[in-house]
Structures are given as structure tokens and as C-alpha cells.
């Protein structure tokens, strides 16, 4: 089953701040996320202290914050360098 990926305005704004190379890496990882949110290359994990918030890795520095919406949708909430988690 493929998930539908829905991006928030915050995610889209943060994505534009990344380099072109990083944006291409994000596109690749979003395709994997859409097919298998727990694929080993994403290193997906639940964010501590939040009930249904997840993070996955684009590379060793960039993280995507996301959550499920029902059984078929993933909402990408924000993206950024590892310090993005400090903003929660």
C-alpha cells in the first residue's frame, strides 16, 4: 500500500531553505517513506514525549518530522537539520 504524502506549509517553506542537493535527497527519501515508512534507510523512530509524532532521516544531518493521518496519509510537518527536534 502506498501512503499519500501531504506537506504542511511549514514543511514546504523549510524544504526551500535546503540546498538543491539536499532537496534531491529529500525527494528520494519521500518516495521511500510513501512505500514503507519503516524502511531501514529512513531510521524512523517515534519522537519521545509525543503520542503520534515520528522522525526519519534524509541523511546524517537532516530530519523529517511527520505523523499519520488515518491509515492512508502521512503529513510531513517540518524538515531541517538535526536541531529541528530542539524546536519542539
N, C-alpha and C. Protein backbone atom coordinates (compact mmCIF):
# COMPACT_ATOMS: atom_id res chain seq x y z
N UNK A 1 0.84 -1.18 0.00
CA UNK A 1 0.00 0.00 0.00
C UNK A 1 0.88 1.25 0.00
N UNK A 2 0.55 2.18 -0.84
CA UNK A 2 1.27 3.44 -0.90
C UNK A 2 0.53 4.48 -0.07
N UNK A 3 1.28 5.22 0.75
CA UNK A 3 0.69 6.32 1.50
C UNK A 3 0.66 7.57 0.63
N UNK A 4 -0.33 8.40 0.88
CA UNK A 4 -0.36 9.72 0.25
C UNK A 4 0.42 10.65 1.17
N UNK A 5 1.37 11.40 0.59
CA UNK A 5 2.17 12.35 1.37
C UNK A 5 1.55 13.73 1.22
N UNK A 6 1.24 14.36 2.35
CA UNK A 6 0.69 15.71 2.36
C UNK A 6 1.66 16.60 3.14
N UNK A 7 2.13 17.66 2.52
CA UNK A 7 3.10 18.55 3.15
C UNK A 7 2.41 19.78 3.73
N UNK A 8 2.81 20.16 4.93
CA UNK A 8 2.31 21.40 5.52
C UNK A 8 3.07 22.58 4.90
N UNK A 9 2.55 23.77 5.08
CA UNK A 9 3.23 24.98 4.58
C UNK A 9 4.59 25.15 5.26
N UNK A 10 4.66 24.81 6.54
CA UNK A 10 5.93 24.90 7.27
C UNK A 10 6.97 23.97 6.63
N UNK A 11 6.55 22.74 6.30
CA UNK A 11 7.45 21.79 5.65
C UNK A 11 7.94 22.36 4.32
N UNK A 12 7.03 22.86 3.51
CA UNK A 12 7.39 23.39 2.19
C UNK A 12 8.35 24.57 2.32
N UNK A 13 8.10 25.45 3.28
CA UNK A 13 8.97 26.61 3.49
C UNK A 13 10.37 26.17 3.93
N UNK A 14 10.43 25.22 4.85
CA UNK A 14 11.72 24.72 5.35
C UNK A 14 12.47 23.97 4.25
N UNK A 15 11.76 23.25 3.40
CA UNK A 15 12.37 22.50 2.30
C UNK A 15 13.09 23.45 1.34
N UNK A 16 12.48 24.60 1.07
CA UNK A 16 13.08 25.57 0.14
C UNK A 16 14.39 26.14 0.67
N UNK A 17 14.61 26.08 1.97
CA UNK A 17 15.84 26.60 2.57
C UNK A 17 17.02 25.64 2.41
N UNK A 18 16.74 24.40 2.04
CA UNK A 18 17.80 23.41 1.86
C UNK A 18 18.48 23.60 0.51
N UNK A 19 19.68 23.08 0.39
CA UNK A 19 20.39 23.15 -0.89
C UNK A 19 19.69 22.25 -1.92
N UNK A 20 20.00 22.46 -3.17
CA UNK A 20 19.42 21.65 -4.24
C UNK A 20 19.75 20.17 -4.04
N UNK A 21 20.99 19.89 -3.67
CA UNK A 21 21.40 18.50 -3.41
C UNK A 21 20.57 17.90 -2.29
N UNK A 22 20.40 18.66 -1.20
CA UNK A 22 19.60 18.18 -0.08
C UNK A 22 18.14 17.96 -0.49
N UNK A 23 17.62 18.86 -1.32
CA UNK A 23 16.24 18.72 -1.80
C UNK A 23 16.07 17.45 -2.63
N UNK A 24 17.08 17.12 -3.40
CA UNK A 24 17.02 15.88 -4.20
C UNK A 24 17.06 14.66 -3.28
N UNK A 25 17.86 14.73 -2.21
CA UNK A 25 17.91 13.64 -1.23
C UNK A 25 16.54 13.49 -0.57
N UNK A 26 15.90 14.61 -0.25
CA UNK A 26 14.58 14.58 0.37
C UNK A 26 13.58 13.90 -0.56
N UNK A 27 13.60 14.24 -1.84
CA UNK A 27 12.67 13.64 -2.81
C UNK A 27 12.81 12.12 -2.82
N UNK A 28 14.05 11.64 -2.79
CA UNK A 28 14.31 10.20 -2.78
C UNK A 28 13.73 9.56 -1.51
N UNK A 29 13.99 10.19 -0.37
CA UNK A 29 13.51 9.64 0.90
C UNK A 29 12.00 9.69 1.02
N UNK A 30 11.37 10.72 0.45
CA UNK A 30 9.90 10.79 0.49
C UNK A 30 9.27 9.65 -0.31
N UNK A 31 9.92 9.26 -1.40
CA UNK A 31 9.42 8.12 -2.19
C UNK A 31 9.48 6.84 -1.36
N UNK A 32 10.57 6.68 -0.61
CA UNK A 32 10.70 5.51 0.26
C UNK A 32 9.67 5.57 1.38
N UNK A 33 9.50 6.75 1.99
CA UNK A 33 8.53 6.94 3.07
C UNK A 33 7.12 6.60 2.60
N UNK A 34 6.81 6.96 1.38
CA UNK A 34 5.49 6.71 0.81
C UNK A 34 5.20 5.21 0.70
N UNK A 35 6.21 4.43 0.41
CA UNK A 35 6.04 2.99 0.22
C UNK A 35 6.19 2.22 1.53
N UNK A 36 7.21 2.61 2.34
CA UNK A 36 7.48 1.89 3.58
C UNK A 36 8.05 2.85 4.63
N UNK A 37 7.18 3.43 5.48
CA UNK A 37 7.65 4.40 6.48
C UNK A 37 8.69 3.86 7.46
N UNK A 38 8.83 2.55 7.54
CA UNK A 38 9.80 1.97 8.47
C UNK A 38 10.96 1.29 7.75
N UNK A 39 11.21 1.73 6.52
CA UNK A 39 12.36 1.21 5.76
C UNK A 39 13.63 1.52 6.54
N UNK A 40 14.56 0.57 6.64
CA UNK A 40 15.78 0.78 7.43
C UNK A 40 16.58 2.03 7.05
N UNK A 41 16.58 2.42 5.79
CA UNK A 41 17.37 3.59 5.37
C UNK A 41 16.82 4.90 5.94
N UNK A 42 15.55 4.90 6.36
CA UNK A 42 14.95 6.11 6.93
C UNK A 42 15.28 6.29 8.41
N UNK A 43 15.64 5.19 9.06
CA UNK A 43 15.91 5.22 10.50
C UNK A 43 14.74 5.90 11.25
N UNK A 44 13.53 5.50 10.92
CA UNK A 44 12.32 6.07 11.52
C UNK A 44 12.24 5.74 13.00
N UNK A 45 11.87 6.73 13.77
CA UNK A 45 11.61 6.48 15.19
C UNK A 45 10.57 7.47 15.69
N UNK A 46 9.90 7.05 16.77
CA UNK A 46 8.91 7.89 17.42
C UNK A 46 9.63 8.99 18.18
N UNK A 47 9.08 10.20 18.16
CA UNK A 47 9.68 11.31 18.91
C UNK A 47 9.21 11.21 20.35
N UNK A 48 10.17 11.15 21.26
CA UNK A 48 9.84 11.00 22.69
C UNK A 48 9.02 12.18 23.18
N UNK A 49 8.00 11.87 23.99
CA UNK A 49 7.18 12.91 24.58
C UNK A 49 5.98 13.30 23.72
N UNK A 50 5.84 12.70 22.55
CA UNK A 50 4.72 12.98 21.66
C UNK A 50 4.04 11.67 21.30
N UNK A 51 2.73 11.69 21.29
CA UNK A 51 1.98 10.46 21.09
C UNK A 51 2.15 9.88 19.68
N UNK A 52 1.96 10.69 18.66
CA UNK A 52 1.97 10.17 17.29
C UNK A 52 2.86 10.99 16.37
N UNK A 53 4.04 11.37 16.84
CA UNK A 53 4.97 12.14 16.04
C UNK A 53 6.19 11.28 15.74
N UNK A 54 6.60 11.28 14.48
CA UNK A 54 7.72 10.46 14.05
C UNK A 54 8.78 11.33 13.39
N UNK A 55 10.00 10.82 13.38
CA UNK A 55 11.07 11.46 12.63
C UNK A 55 11.75 10.39 11.78
N UNK A 56 12.25 10.83 10.64
CA UNK A 56 13.08 9.94 9.82
C UNK A 56 14.23 10.75 9.28
N UNK A 57 15.26 10.06 8.86
CA UNK A 57 16.49 10.70 8.40
C UNK A 57 16.53 10.79 6.89
N UNK A 58 16.95 11.96 6.42
CA UNK A 58 17.23 12.13 4.99
C UNK A 58 18.70 11.79 4.77
N UNK A 59 19.54 12.32 5.65
CA UNK A 59 20.96 11.99 5.67
C UNK A 59 21.39 12.05 7.13
N UNK A 60 22.65 12.14 7.41
CA UNK A 60 23.08 12.10 8.81
C UNK A 60 22.74 13.39 9.55
N UNK A 61 22.31 14.42 8.85
CA UNK A 61 22.03 15.71 9.48
C UNK A 61 20.57 16.15 9.36
N UNK A 62 19.90 15.81 8.27
CA UNK A 62 18.56 16.33 8.02
C UNK A 62 17.49 15.32 8.43
N UNK A 63 16.47 15.85 9.12
CA UNK A 63 15.36 15.04 9.61
C UNK A 63 14.03 15.56 9.06
N UNK A 64 13.11 14.64 8.86
CA UNK A 64 11.72 14.98 8.52
C UNK A 64 10.86 14.61 9.72
N UNK A 65 10.02 15.53 10.14
CA UNK A 65 9.04 15.26 11.19
C UNK A 65 7.70 15.00 10.51
N UNK A 66 7.04 13.92 10.93
CA UNK A 66 5.78 13.57 10.28
C UNK A 66 4.87 12.81 11.22
N UNK A 67 3.60 12.68 10.79
CA UNK A 67 2.61 11.91 11.54
C UNK A 67 1.64 11.26 10.55
N UNK A 68 1.00 10.22 11.04
CA UNK A 68 -0.03 9.57 10.24
C UNK A 68 -1.34 10.34 10.37
N UNK A 69 -2.10 10.36 9.30
CA UNK A 69 -3.47 10.87 9.31
C UNK A 69 -4.33 9.72 8.81
N UNK A 70 -4.97 9.01 9.73
CA UNK A 70 -5.71 7.82 9.34
C UNK A 70 -4.78 6.71 8.91
N UNK A 71 -5.25 5.88 8.00
CA UNK A 71 -4.48 4.71 7.57
C UNK A 71 -3.76 4.89 6.24
N UNK A 72 -4.03 6.01 5.54
CA UNK A 72 -3.51 6.14 4.18
C UNK A 72 -2.69 7.40 3.93
N UNK A 73 -2.60 8.29 4.93
CA UNK A 73 -1.96 9.59 4.70
C UNK A 73 -0.83 9.81 5.70
N UNK A 74 0.26 10.35 5.20
CA UNK A 74 1.36 10.81 6.04
C UNK A 74 1.45 12.32 5.85
N UNK A 75 1.43 13.05 6.96
CA UNK A 75 1.55 14.51 6.91
C UNK A 75 2.99 14.87 7.30
N UNK A 76 3.72 15.48 6.38
CA UNK A 76 5.07 15.94 6.69
C UNK A 76 4.93 17.32 7.33
N UNK A 77 5.38 17.42 8.58
CA UNK A 77 5.18 18.63 9.38
C UNK A 77 6.30 19.64 9.24
N UNK A 78 7.54 19.16 9.22
CA UNK A 78 8.69 20.06 9.14
C UNK A 78 9.90 19.25 8.69
N UNK A 79 10.90 19.96 8.24
CA UNK A 79 12.15 19.35 7.82
C UNK A 79 13.28 20.29 8.17
N UNK A 80 14.42 19.73 8.52
CA UNK A 80 15.56 20.58 8.83
C UNK A 80 16.71 19.78 9.39
N UNK A 81 17.72 20.51 9.79
CA UNK A 81 18.90 19.88 10.37
C UNK A 81 18.52 19.27 11.71
N UNK A 82 19.36 18.42 12.23
CA UNK A 82 19.03 17.64 13.41
C UNK A 82 18.50 18.49 14.54
N UNK A 83 18.90 19.74 14.63
CA UNK A 83 18.43 20.65 15.68
C UNK A 83 16.94 20.96 15.58
N UNK A 84 16.30 20.52 14.51
CA UNK A 84 14.85 20.71 14.35
C UNK A 84 14.10 20.15 15.55
N UNK A 85 14.65 19.11 16.14
CA UNK A 85 13.99 18.48 17.29
C UNK A 85 14.01 19.39 18.50
N UNK A 86 14.96 20.30 18.55
CA UNK A 86 15.03 21.25 19.68
C UNK A 86 13.90 22.27 19.65
N UNK A 87 13.28 22.44 18.48
CA UNK A 87 12.21 23.43 18.33
C UNK A 87 10.86 22.91 18.82
N UNK A 88 10.78 21.63 19.13
CA UNK A 88 9.50 21.05 19.56
C UNK A 88 9.10 21.52 20.93
